[in-house]
Amino acid sequence: MERVRDGKQEDAKALLNESFSKQANGNFNAEYLNSFIPKMIGLLKPESIGEVKAVMSQFGPNQIKS
């Protein structure tokens, strides 16, 4: 949460909870990931975007259902 812009922590928590729920239910797919990434990046501090993008890039085609 330290990488999230001030005042956006609750939004980030809700988005992450949604993501984890989709992963647990087997509904985490490429379409969802493509909508998740821009939303999450919009909540980040500018100096954290590169670091978080690098982590997100690890969720490639082998990690999600198409």
PDB file of N, CA and C in Angstrom:
ATOM      1  N   MET A   1       0.816  -1.201   0.000  1.00  0.00           N
ATOM      2  CA  MET A   1       0.000   0.000   0.000  1.00  0.00           C
ATOM      3  C   MET A   1       0.862   1.268   0.000  1.00  0.00           C
ATOM      4  N   GLU A   2       2.132   1.135   0.336  1.00  0.00           N
ATOM      5  CA  GLU A   2       2.976   2.327   0.328  1.00  0.00           C
ATOM      6  C   GLU A   2       3.239   2.842  -1.088  1.00  0.00           C
ATOM      7  N   ARG A   3       2.929   2.046  -2.090  1.00  0.00           N
ATOM      8  CA  ARG A   3       3.122   2.457  -3.486  1.00  0.00           C
ATOM      9  C   ARG A   3       1.872   3.134  -4.065  1.00  0.00           C
ATOM     10  N   VAL A   4       0.804   3.142  -3.301  1.00  0.00           N
ATOM     11  CA  VAL A   4      -0.468   3.715  -3.747  1.00  0.00           C
ATOM     12  C   VAL A   4      -0.523   5.193  -3.354  1.00  0.00           C
ATOM     13  N   ARG A   5      -1.090   5.997  -4.260  1.00  0.00           N
ATOM     14  CA  ARG A   5      -1.234   7.429  -3.983  1.00  0.00           C
ATOM     15  C   ARG A   5      -2.060   7.652  -2.724  1.00  0.00           C
ATOM     16  N   ASP A   6      -1.738   8.720  -2.037  1.00  0.00           N
ATOM     17  CA  ASP A   6      -2.476   9.087  -0.832  1.00  0.00           C
ATOM     18  C   ASP A   6      -3.960   9.229  -1.143  1.00  0.00           C
ATOM     19  N   GLY A   7      -4.771   8.665  -0.279  1.00  0.00           N
ATOM     20  CA  GLY A   7      -6.215   8.742  -0.437  1.00  0.00           C
ATOM     21  C   GLY A   7      -6.802   7.691  -1.361  1.00  0.00           C
ATOM     22  N   LYS A   8      -5.973   6.855  -1.945  1.00  0.00           N
ATOM     23  CA  LYS A   8      -6.449   5.839  -2.884  1.00  0.00           C
ATOM     24  C   LYS A   8      -6.280   4.416  -2.340  1.00  0.00           C
ATOM     25  N   GLN A   9      -5.892   4.288  -1.074  1.00  0.00           N
ATOM     26  CA  GLN A   9      -5.647   2.969  -0.495  1.00  0.00           C
ATOM     27  C   GLN A   9      -6.885   2.091  -0.484  1.00  0.00           C
ATOM     28  N   GLU A  10      -8.033   2.640  -0.161  1.00  0.00           N
ATOM     29  CA  GLU A  10      -9.268   1.842  -0.127  1.00  0.00           C
ATOM     30  C   GLU A  10      -9.640   1.353  -1.525  1.00  0.00           C
ATOM     31  N   ASP A  11      -9.445   2.214  -2.516  1.00  0.00           N
ATOM     32  CA  ASP A  11      -9.709   1.807  -3.901  1.00  0.00           C
ATOM     33  C   ASP A  11      -8.775   0.674  -4.302  1.00  0.00           C
ATOM     34  N   ALA A  12      -7.511   0.781  -3.930  1.00  0.00           N
ATOM     35  CA  ALA A  12      -6.534  -0.262  -4.266  1.00  0.00           C
ATOM     36  C   ALA A  12      -6.879  -1.571  -3.563  1.00  0.00           C
ATOM     37  N   LYS A  13      -7.263  -1.487  -2.297  1.00  0.00           N
ATOM     38  CA  LYS A  13      -7.637  -2.698  -1.556  1.00  0.00           C
ATOM     39  C   LYS A  13      -8.827  -3.385  -2.219  1.00  0.00           C
ATOM     40  N   ALA A  14      -9.824  -2.610  -2.610  1.00  0.00           N
ATOM     41  CA  ALA A  14     -11.008  -3.185  -3.253  1.00  0.00           C
ATOM     42  C   ALA A  14     -10.638  -3.851  -4.575  1.00  0.00           C
ATOM     43  N   LEU A  15      -9.790  -3.208  -5.354  1.00  0.00           N
ATOM     44  CA  LEU A  15      -9.375  -3.767  -6.633  1.00  0.00           C
ATOM     45  C   LEU A  15      -8.560  -5.048  -6.436  1.00  0.00           C
ATOM     46  N   LEU A  16      -7.661  -5.037  -5.462  1.00  0.00           N
ATOM     47  CA  LEU A  16      -6.871  -6.240  -5.177  1.00  0.00           C
ATOM     48  C   LEU A  16      -7.751  -7.368  -4.654  1.00  0.00           C
ATOM     49  N   ASN A  17      -8.705  -7.051  -3.790  1.00  0.00           N
ATOM     50  CA  ASN A  17      -9.616  -8.085  -3.289  1.00  0.00           C
ATOM     51  C   ASN A  17     -10.422  -8.708  -4.418  1.00  0.00           C
ATOM     52  N   GLU A  18     -10.869  -7.877  -5.349  1.00  0.00           N
ATOM     53  CA  GLU A  18     -11.591  -8.384  -6.515  1.00  0.00           C
ATOM     54  C   GLU A  18     -10.694  -9.327  -7.320  1.00  0.00           C
ATOM     55  N   SER A  19      -9.456  -8.926  -7.514  1.00  0.00           N
ATOM     56  CA  SER A  19      -8.506  -9.736  -8.275  1.00  0.00           C
ATOM     57  C   SER A  19      -8.250 -11.082  -7.599  1.00  0.00           C
ATOM     58  N   PHE A  20      -8.011 -11.050  -6.287  1.00  0.00           N
ATOM     59  CA  PHE A  20      -7.755 -12.295  -5.556  1.00  0.00           C
ATOM     60  C   PHE A  20      -8.984 -13.200  -5.575  1.00  0.00           C
ATOM     61  N   SER A  21     -10.156 -12.612  -5.504  1.00  0.00           N
ATOM     62  CA  SER A  21     -11.390 -13.391  -5.566  1.00  0.00           C
ATOM     63  C   SER A  21     -11.524 -14.078  -6.924  1.00  0.00           C
ATOM     64  N   LYS A  22     -11.240 -13.348  -7.983  1.00  0.00           N
ATOM     65  CA  LYS A  22     -11.301 -13.937  -9.322  1.00  0.00           C
ATOM     66  C   LYS A  22     -10.277 -15.061  -9.475  1.00  0.00           C
ATOM     67  N   GLN A  23      -9.103 -14.882  -8.902  1.00  0.00           N
ATOM     68  CA  GLN A  23      -8.091 -15.937  -8.959  1.00  0.00           C
ATOM     69  C   GLN A  23      -8.567 -17.186  -8.213  1.00  0.00           C
ATOM     70  N   ALA A  24      -9.142 -16.981  -7.048  1.00  0.00           N
ATOM     71  CA  ALA A  24      -9.614 -18.105  -6.233  1.00  0.00           C
ATOM     72  C   ALA A  24     -10.770 -18.841  -6.904  1.00  0.00           C
ATOM     73  N   ASN A  25     -11.606 -18.115  -7.627  1.00  0.00           N
ATOM     74  CA  ASN A  25     -12.778 -18.711  -8.276  1.00  0.00           C
ATOM     75  C   ASN A  25     -12.493 -19.215  -9.687  1.00  0.00           C
ATOM     76  N   GLY A  26     -11.264 -19.031 -10.153  1.00  0.00           N
ATOM     77  CA  GLY A  26     -10.915 -19.470 -11.496  1.00  0.00           C
ATOM     78  C   GLY A  26     -11.422 -18.550 -12.594  1.00  0.00           C
ATOM     79  N   ASN A  27     -11.784 -17.315 -12.241  1.00  0.00           N
ATOM     80  CA  ASN A  27     -12.304 -16.356 -13.217  1.00  0.00           C
ATOM     81  C   ASN A  27     -11.285 -15.290 -13.603  1.00  0.00           C
ATOM     82  N   PHE A  28     -10.035 -15.497 -13.238  1.00  0.00           N
ATOM     83  CA  PHE A  28      -8.976 -14.538 -13.539  1.00  0.00           C
ATOM     84  C   PHE A  28      -8.466 -14.857 -14.932  1.00  0.00           C
ATOM     85  N   ASN A  29      -8.835 -14.033 -15.906  1.00  0.00           N
ATOM     86  CA  ASN A  29      -8.471 -14.319 -17.287  1.00  0.00           C
ATOM     87  C   ASN A  29      -7.807 -13.101 -17.931  1.00  0.00           C
ATOM     88  N   ALA A  30      -7.403 -13.260 -19.182  1.00  0.00           N
ATOM     89  CA  ALA A  30      -6.697 -12.194 -19.888  1.00  0.00           C
ATOM     90  C   ALA A  30      -7.557 -10.938 -20.008  1.00  0.00           C
ATOM     91  N   GLU A  31      -8.838 -11.106 -20.260  1.00  0.00           N
ATOM     92  CA  GLU A  31      -9.731  -9.951 -20.377  1.00  0.00           C
ATOM     93  C   GLU A  31      -9.774  -9.164 -19.066  1.00  0.00           C
ATOM     94  N   TYR A  32      -9.899  -9.868 -17.951  1.00  0.00           N
ATOM     95  CA  TYR A  32      -9.922  -9.184 -16.660  1.00  0.00           C
ATOM     96  C   TYR A  32      -8.580  -8.496 -16.409  1.00  0.00           C
ATOM     97  N   LEU A  33      -7.488  -9.195 -16.671  1.00  0.00           N
ATOM     98  CA  LEU A  33      -6.164  -8.630 -16.429  1.00  0.00           C
ATOM     99  C   LEU A  33      -5.966  -7.352 -17.240  1.00  0.00           C
ATOM    100  N   ASN A  34      -6.449  -7.346 -18.474  1.00  0.00           N
ATOM    101  CA  ASN A  34      -6.318  -6.165 -19.323  1.00  0.00           C
ATOM    102  C   ASN A  34      -7.117  -4.977 -18.795  1.00  0.00           C
ATOM    103  N   SER A  35      -8.159  -5.230 -18.022  1.00  0.00           N
ATOM    104  CA  SER A  35      -8.903  -4.128 -17.408  1.00  0.00           C
ATOM    105  C   SER A  35      -8.322  -3.758 -16.042  1.00  0.00           C
ATOM    106  N   PHE A  36      -7.753  -4.740 -15.351  1.00  0.00           N
ATOM    107  CA  PHE A  36      -7.190  -4.527 -14.020  1.00  0.00           C
ATOM    108  C   PHE A  36      -5.952  -3.635 -14.054  1.00  0.00           C
ATOM    109  N   ILE A  37      -5.049  -3.917 -14.981  1.00  0.00           N
ATOM    110  CA  ILE A  37      -3.758  -3.227 -15.002  1.00  0.00           C
ATOM    111  C   ILE A  37      -3.905  -1.706 -15.095  1.00  0.00           C
ATOM    112  N   PRO A  38      -4.670  -1.159 -16.045  1.00  0.00           N
ATOM    113  CA  PRO A  38      -4.766   0.307 -16.088  1.00  0.00           C
ATOM    114  C   PRO A  38      -5.432   0.901 -14.846  1.00  0.00           C
ATOM    115  N   LYS A  39      -6.385   0.175 -14.276  1.00  0.00           N
ATOM    116  CA  LYS A  39      -7.023   0.669 -13.043  1.00  0.00           C
ATOM    117  C   LYS A  39      -6.013   0.745 -11.917  1.00  0.00           C
ATOM    118  N   MET A  40      -5.214  -0.310 -11.759  1.00  0.00           N
ATOM    119  CA  MET A  40      -4.236  -0.333 -10.673  1.00  0.00           C
ATOM    120  C   MET A  40      -3.153   0.711 -10.897  1.00  0.00           C
ATOM    121  N   ILE A  41      -2.686   0.832 -12.113  1.00  0.00           N
ATOM    122  CA  ILE A  41      -1.643   1.819 -12.403  1.00  0.00           C
ATOM    123  C   ILE A  41      -2.145   3.228 -12.102  1.00  0.00           C
ATOM    124  N   GLY A  42      -3.417   3.483 -12.339  1.00  0.00           N
ATOM    125  CA  GLY A  42      -3.993   4.782 -12.048  1.00  0.00           C
ATOM    126  C   GLY A  42      -4.026   5.123 -10.566  1.00  0.00           C
ATOM    127  N   LEU A  43      -3.879   4.121  -9.720  1.00  0.00           N
ATOM    128  CA  LEU A  43      -3.899   4.341  -8.275  1.00  0.00           C
ATOM    129  C   LEU A  43      -2.502   4.491  -7.675  1.00  0.00           C
ATOM    130  N   LEU A  44      -1.485   4.248  -8.469  1.00  0.00           N
ATOM    131  CA  LEU A  44      -0.114   4.223  -7.966  1.00  0.00           C
ATOM    132  C   LEU A  44       0.545   5.595  -7.957  1.00  0.00           C
ATOM    133  N   LYS A  45       1.515   5.742  -7.068  1.00  0.00           N
ATOM    134  CA  LYS A  45       2.385   6.912  -7.082  1.00  0.00           C
ATOM    135  C   LYS A  45       3.235   6.814  -8.348  1.00  0.00           C
ATOM    136  N   PRO A  46       3.487   7.926  -9.003  1.00  0.00           N
ATOM    137  CA  PRO A  46       4.249   7.887 -10.256  1.00  0.00           C
ATOM    138  C   PRO A  46       5.588   7.152 -10.144  1.00  0.00           C
ATOM    139  N   GLU A  47       6.273   7.319  -9.034  1.00  0.00           N
ATOM    140  CA  GLU A  47       7.585   6.692  -8.871  1.00  0.00           C
ATOM    141  C   GLU A  47       7.510   5.177  -8.673  1.00  0.00           C
ATOM    142  N   SER A  48       6.319   4.643  -8.469  1.00  0.00           N
ATOM    143  CA  SER A  48       6.146   3.209  -8.247  1.00  0.00           C
ATOM    144  C   SER A  48       5.647   2.459  -9.475  1.00  0.00           C
ATOM    145  N   ILE A  49       5.254   3.170 -10.498  1.00  0.00           N
ATOM    146  CA  ILE A  49       4.631   2.535 -11.657  1.00  0.00           C
ATOM    147  C   ILE A  49       5.562   1.524 -12.326  1.00  0.00           C
ATOM    148  N   GLY A  50       6.806   1.876 -12.565  1.00  0.00           N
ATOM    149  CA  GLY A  50       7.742   0.967 -13.226  1.00  0.00           C
ATOM    150  C   GLY A  50       7.940  -0.324 -12.454  1.00  0.00           C
ATOM    151  N   GLU A  51       8.097  -0.211 -11.159  1.00  0.00           N
ATOM    152  CA  GLU A  51       8.295  -1.384 -10.305  1.00  0.00           C
ATOM    153  C   GLU A  51       7.076  -2.301 -10.352  1.00  0.00           C
ATOM    154  N   VAL A  52       5.905  -1.738 -10.244  1.00  0.00           N
ATOM    155  CA  VAL A  52       4.686  -2.540 -10.236  1.00  0.00           C
ATOM    156  C   VAL A  52       4.428  -3.153 -11.614  1.00  0.00           C
ATOM    157  N   LYS A  53       4.702  -2.408 -12.680  1.00  0.00           N
ATOM    158  CA  LYS A  53       4.549  -2.969 -14.024  1.00  0.00           C
ATOM    159  C   LYS A  53       5.458  -4.188 -14.208  1.00  0.00           C
ATOM    160  N   ALA A  54       6.667  -4.126 -13.664  1.00  0.00           N
ATOM    161  CA  ALA A  54       7.591  -5.258 -13.773  1.00  0.00           C
ATOM    162  C   ALA A  54       7.028  -6.485 -13.079  1.00  0.00           C
ATOM    163  N   VAL A  55       6.418  -6.307 -11.929  1.00  0.00           N
ATOM    164  CA  VAL A  55       5.806  -7.424 -11.203  1.00  0.00           C
ATOM    165  C   VAL A  55       4.608  -7.950 -11.980  1.00  0.00           C
ATOM    166  N   MET A  56       3.777  -7.054 -12.480  1.00  0.00           N
ATOM    167  CA  MET A  56       2.580  -7.471 -13.227  1.00  0.00           C
ATOM    168  C   MET A  56       2.948  -8.231 -14.496  1.00  0.00           C
ATOM    169  N   SER A  57       4.086  -7.912 -15.080  1.00  0.00           N
ATOM    170  CA  SER A  57       4.480  -8.583 -16.317  1.00  0.00           C
ATOM    171  C   SER A  57       4.745 -10.069 -16.102  1.00  0.00           C
ATOM    172  N   GLN A  58       4.937 -10.469 -14.862  1.00  0.00           N
ATOM    173  CA  GLN A  58       5.147 -11.881 -14.551  1.00  0.00           C
ATOM    174  C   GLN A  58       3.861 -12.685 -14.705  1.00  0.00           C
ATOM    175  N   PHE A  59       2.726 -12.006 -14.773  1.00  0.00           N
ATOM    176  CA  PHE A  59       1.438 -12.676 -14.964  1.00  0.00           C
ATOM    177  C   PHE A  59       1.154 -12.769 -16.459  1.00  0.00           C
ATOM    178  N   GLY A  60       1.972 -13.530 -17.129  1.00  0.00           N
ATOM    179  CA  GLY A  60       1.831 -13.714 -18.566  1.00  0.00           C
ATOM    180  C   GLY A  60       0.803 -14.764 -18.885  1.00  0.00           C
ATOM    181  N   PRO A  61       0.761 -15.179 -20.133  1.00  0.00           N
ATOM    182  CA  PRO A  61      -0.234 -16.157 -20.599  1.00  0.00           C
ATOM    183  C   PRO A  61      -0.219 -17.477 -19.830  1.00  0.00           C
ATOM    184  N   ASN A  62       0.909 -17.852 -19.272  1.00  0.00           N
ATOM    185  CA  ASN A  62       0.979 -19.114 -18.536  1.00  0.00           C
ATOM    186  C   ASN A  62       0.354 -19.015 -17.147  1.00  0.00           C
ATOM    187  N   GLN A  63       0.104 -17.808 -16.680  1.00  0.00           N
ATOM    188  CA  GLN A  63      -0.412 -17.615 -15.334  1.00  0.00           C
ATOM    189  C   GLN A  63      -1.913 -17.378 -15.282  1.00  0.00           C
ATOM    190  N   ILE A  64      -2.537 -17.133 -16.434  1.00  0.00           N
ATOM    191  CA  ILE A  64      -3.970 -16.825 -16.446  1.00  0.00           C
ATOM    192  C   ILE A  64      -4.692 -17.699 -17.452  1.00  0.00           C
ATOM    193  N   LYS A  65      -5.992 -17.795 -17.275  1.00  0.00           N
ATOM    194  CA  LYS A  65      -6.836 -18.520 -18.212  1.00  0.00           C
ATOM    195  C   LYS A  65      -7.211 -17.595 -19.356  1.00  0.00           C
ATOM    196  N   SER A  66      -7.142 -18.069 -20.566  1.00  0.00           N
ATOM    197  CA  SER A  66      -7.510 -17.229 -21.721  1.00  0.00           C
ATOM    198  C   SER A  66      -8.998 -17.281 -21.956  1.00  0.00           C
TER     199      SER A  66
END
